[in-house]
């Protein structure tokens, strides 16, 4: 397993958005879509504010692999579902802290049970 470097983690953590592309079965990438991204220690996470109905979320869950760009970092990644309540609690707080200037109307949907159920950890490959 490949790990993020400290520089990559810092740049991704500071980026407002991450551009995400799911990998198709033939290896090509779907169109890039911007999503909010948070960092928790040495880990990087994304969520679908639309829950499981988010098209990008369904695509990356189906493929398990894709490509991201954020803060000058560009990487092929794998996506793994997060099922740990304590981790989800920390991710909720990371979203509230990082995006507080956007207000409750935007942060609220990112911390609902439906969004929490879509928390994905990104790992470089």
C-alpha atoms as a PDB file:
ATOM      1  CA  UNK A   1       0.000   0.000   0.000  1.00  0.00           C
ATOM      2  CA  UNK A   2       1.273   3.455  -0.912  1.00  0.00           C
ATOM      3  CA  UNK A   3       0.957   6.296   1.578  1.00  0.00           C
ATOM      4  CA  UNK A   4       0.480  10.009   1.131  1.00  0.00           C
ATOM      5  CA  UNK A   5       3.566  12.154   1.668  1.00  0.00           C
ATOM      6  CA  UNK A   6       3.378  14.899   4.277  1.00  0.00           C
ATOM      7  CA  UNK A   7       3.526  17.486   1.476  1.00  0.00           C
ATOM      8  CA  UNK A   8       0.660  15.848  -0.415  1.00  0.00           C
ATOM      9  CA  UNK A   9      -1.432  15.673   2.754  1.00  0.00           C
ATOM     10  CA  UNK A  10      -0.813  19.354   3.487  1.00  0.00           C
ATOM     11  CA  UNK A  11      -1.709  20.485  -0.045  1.00  0.00           C
ATOM     12  CA  UNK A  12      -4.814  18.300  -0.268  1.00  0.00           C
ATOM     13  CA  UNK A  13      -5.896  19.335   3.220  1.00  0.00           C
ATOM     14  CA  UNK A  14      -5.617  23.011   2.318  1.00  0.00           C
ATOM     15  CA  UNK A  15      -7.455  22.670  -1.013  1.00  0.00           C
ATOM     16  CA  UNK A  16     -11.065  23.832  -0.996  1.00  0.00           C
ATOM     17  CA  UNK A  17     -12.103  21.192  -3.503  1.00  0.00           C
ATOM     18  CA  UNK A  18     -10.791  17.968  -4.914  1.00  0.00           C
ATOM     19  CA  UNK A  19     -11.490  16.957  -8.501  1.00  0.00           C
ATOM     20  CA  UNK A  20     -12.480  13.301  -8.632  1.00  0.00           C
ATOM     21  CA  UNK A  21     -12.722  10.911 -11.578  1.00  0.00           C
ATOM     22  CA  UNK A  22     -13.935   7.335 -11.371  1.00  0.00           C
ATOM     23  CA  UNK A  23     -12.139   4.756 -13.461  1.00  0.00           C
ATOM     24  CA  UNK A  24     -14.227   2.851 -16.000  1.00  0.00           C
ATOM     25  CA  UNK A  25     -13.800  -0.919 -16.515  1.00  0.00           C
ATOM     26  CA  UNK A  26     -11.689  -0.223 -19.634  1.00  0.00           C
ATOM     27  CA  UNK A  27      -9.301   1.937 -17.573  1.00  0.00           C
ATOM     28  CA  UNK A  28     -10.412   5.298 -18.951  1.00  0.00           C
ATOM     29  CA  UNK A  29     -11.567   7.989 -16.559  1.00  0.00           C
ATOM     30  CA  UNK A  30     -15.013   9.528 -16.230  1.00  0.00           C
ATOM     31  CA  UNK A  31     -15.334  13.301 -16.402  1.00  0.00           C
ATOM     32  CA  UNK A  32     -13.843  15.208 -13.451  1.00  0.00           C
ATOM     33  CA  UNK A  33     -16.200  16.505 -10.783  1.00  0.00           C
ATOM     34  CA  UNK A  34     -15.375  18.798  -7.846  1.00  0.00           C
ATOM     35  CA  UNK A  35     -16.106  17.561  -4.311  1.00  0.00           C
ATOM     36  CA  UNK A  36     -15.199  18.776  -0.855  1.00  0.00           C
ATOM     37  CA  UNK A  37     -12.275  16.973   0.748  1.00  0.00           C
ATOM     38  CA  UNK A  38     -11.056  16.704   4.326  1.00  0.00           C
ATOM     39  CA  UNK A  39      -7.984  15.349   5.973  1.00  0.00           C
ATOM     40  CA  UNK A  40      -7.810  13.501   9.282  1.00  0.00           C
ATOM     41  CA  UNK A  41      -4.217  12.855  10.280  1.00  0.00           C
ATOM     42  CA  UNK A  42      -2.559  10.855   7.496  1.00  0.00           C
ATOM     43  CA  UNK A  43      -5.872  10.065   5.813  1.00  0.00           C
ATOM     44  CA  UNK A  44      -7.945  11.806   3.123  1.00  0.00           C
ATOM     45  CA  UNK A  45     -11.732  11.546   2.907  1.00  0.00           C
ATOM     46  CA  UNK A  46     -14.622  12.572   0.673  1.00  0.00           C
ATOM     47  CA  UNK A  47     -18.402  12.236   0.992  1.00  0.00           C
ATOM     48  CA  UNK A  48     -21.407  12.632  -1.223  1.00  0.00           C
ATOM     49  CA  UNK A  49     -23.750  15.342   0.076  1.00  0.00           C
ATOM     50  CA  UNK A  50     -26.465  13.621  -1.973  1.00  0.00           C
ATOM     51  CA  UNK A  51     -25.841  10.360  -0.179  1.00  0.00           C
ATOM     52  CA  UNK A  52     -25.847   7.199  -2.256  1.00  0.00           C
ATOM     53  CA  UNK A  53     -27.774   8.920  -5.053  1.00  0.00           C
ATOM     54  CA  UNK A  54     -24.711  11.011  -5.984  1.00  0.00           C
ATOM     55  CA  UNK A  55     -23.560   9.925  -9.452  1.00  0.00           C
ATOM     56  CA  UNK A  56     -19.848  10.364  -8.745  1.00  0.00           C
ATOM     57  CA  UNK A  57     -20.216   8.338  -5.548  1.00  0.00           C
ATOM     58  CA  UNK A  58     -21.938   5.440  -7.316  1.00  0.00           C
ATOM     59  CA  UNK A  59     -19.249   5.479 -10.018  1.00  0.00           C
ATOM     60  CA  UNK A  60     -16.290   5.372  -7.622  1.00  0.00           C
ATOM     61  CA  UNK A  61     -17.938   2.732  -5.427  1.00  0.00           C
ATOM     62  CA  UNK A  62     -18.512   0.596  -8.496  1.00  0.00           C
ATOM     63  CA  UNK A  63     -14.961   0.910  -9.773  1.00  0.00           C
ATOM     64  CA  UNK A  64     -13.060   1.226  -6.505  1.00  0.00           C
ATOM     65  CA  UNK A  65     -10.406   3.237  -8.352  1.00  0.00           C
ATOM     66  CA  UNK A  66      -9.956   6.609  -9.965  1.00  0.00           C
ATOM     67  CA  UNK A  67      -7.923   9.776 -10.173  1.00  0.00           C
ATOM     68  CA  UNK A  68      -7.860  12.954  -8.075  1.00  0.00           C
ATOM     69  CA  UNK A  69      -6.427  16.457  -8.294  1.00  0.00           C
ATOM     70  CA  UNK A  70      -6.229  18.908  -5.400  1.00  0.00           C
ATOM     71  CA  UNK A  71      -3.795  21.567  -4.280  1.00  0.00           C
ATOM     72  CA  UNK A  72      -1.361  20.724  -7.066  1.00  0.00           C
ATOM     73  CA  UNK A  73      -1.425  17.004  -6.207  1.00  0.00           C
ATOM     74  CA  UNK A  74      -2.506  14.605  -8.938  1.00  0.00           C
ATOM     75  CA  UNK A  75      -2.806  10.895  -8.076  1.00  0.00           C
ATOM     76  CA  UNK A  76      -4.397   7.627  -9.035  1.00  0.00           C
ATOM     77  CA  UNK A  77      -6.278   6.412  -5.967  1.00  0.00           C
ATOM     78  CA  UNK A  78      -8.404   3.648  -4.549  1.00  0.00           C
ATOM     79  CA  UNK A  79     -11.613   4.294  -2.634  1.00  0.00           C
ATOM     80  CA  UNK A  80     -12.565   2.413   0.523  1.00  0.00           C
ATOM     81  CA  UNK A  81     -15.794   2.764   2.474  1.00  0.00           C
ATOM     82  CA  UNK A  82     -15.493   3.970   6.058  1.00  0.00           C
ATOM     83  CA  UNK A  83     -17.715   2.107   8.496  1.00  0.00           C
ATOM     84  CA  UNK A  84     -16.245   3.242  11.803  1.00  0.00           C
ATOM     85  CA  UNK A  85     -18.483   5.605  13.782  1.00  0.00           C
ATOM     86  CA  UNK A  86     -15.551   7.276  15.558  1.00  0.00           C
ATOM     87  CA  UNK A  87     -13.920   8.049  12.206  1.00  0.00           C
ATOM     88  CA  UNK A  88     -17.189   9.424  10.833  1.00  0.00           C
ATOM     89  CA  UNK A  89     -17.497  11.650  13.922  1.00  0.00           C
ATOM     90  CA  UNK A  90     -14.018  13.065  13.267  1.00  0.00           C
ATOM     91  CA  UNK A  91     -14.848  13.568   9.589  1.00  0.00           C
ATOM     92  CA  UNK A  92     -18.043  15.447  10.554  1.00  0.00           C
ATOM     93  CA  UNK A  93     -15.931  17.769  12.693  1.00  0.00           C
ATOM     94  CA  UNK A  94     -13.348  18.167   9.927  1.00  0.00           C
ATOM     95  CA  UNK A  95     -16.093  19.262   7.493  1.00  0.00           C
ATOM     96  CA  UNK A  96     -17.575  21.682  10.059  1.00  0.00           C
ATOM     97  CA  UNK A  97     -14.172  23.205  10.756  1.00  0.00           C
ATOM     98  CA  UNK A  98     -12.815  23.424   7.226  1.00  0.00           C
ATOM     99  CA  UNK A  99     -15.997  24.671   5.562  1.00  0.00           C
ATOM    100  CA  UNK A 100     -17.507  26.747   8.409  1.00  0.00           C
ATOM    101  CA  UNK A 101     -17.441  29.914   6.296  1.00  0.00           C
ATOM    102  CA  UNK A 102     -19.943  28.296   3.903  1.00  0.00           C
ATOM    103  CA  UNK A 103     -22.602  28.142   6.622  1.00  0.00           C
ATOM    104  CA  UNK A 104     -24.962  25.508   7.943  1.00  0.00           C
ATOM    105  CA  UNK A 105     -26.919  25.279   4.681  1.00  0.00           C
ATOM    106  CA  UNK A 106     -23.878  23.664   3.049  1.00  0.00           C
ATOM    107  CA  UNK A 107     -22.263  21.912   6.001  1.00  0.00           C
ATOM    108  CA  UNK A 108     -25.524  20.371   7.224  1.00  0.00           C
ATOM    109  CA  UNK A 109     -25.967  18.062   4.216  1.00  0.00           C
ATOM    110  CA  UNK A 110     -22.349  16.864   4.568  1.00  0.00           C
ATOM    111  CA  UNK A 111     -22.939  15.613   8.107  1.00  0.00           C
ATOM    112  CA  UNK A 112     -26.301  13.859   7.729  1.00  0.00           C
ATOM    113  CA  UNK A 113     -26.589  10.096   8.231  1.00  0.00           C
ATOM    114  CA  UNK A 114     -27.028   9.697   4.444  1.00  0.00           C
ATOM    115  CA  UNK A 115     -23.782  11.572   3.722  1.00  0.00           C
ATOM    116  CA  UNK A 116     -21.914   9.788   6.534  1.00  0.00           C
ATOM    117  CA  UNK A 117     -22.877   6.489   4.918  1.00  0.00           C
ATOM    118  CA  UNK A 118     -20.895   7.543   1.826  1.00  0.00           C
ATOM    119  CA  UNK A 119     -17.623   8.440   3.548  1.00  0.00           C
ATOM    120  CA  UNK A 120     -14.733   7.174   1.446  1.00  0.00           C
ATOM    121  CA  UNK A 121     -11.048   7.063   2.270  1.00  0.00           C
ATOM    122  CA  UNK A 122      -8.715   7.819  -0.632  1.00  0.00           C
ATOM    123  CA  UNK A 123      -5.436   5.936  -0.809  1.00  0.00           C
ATOM    124  CA  UNK A 124      -2.765   6.584  -3.447  1.00  0.00           C
ATOM    125  CA  UNK A 125      -1.936   3.664  -5.717  1.00  0.00           C
END
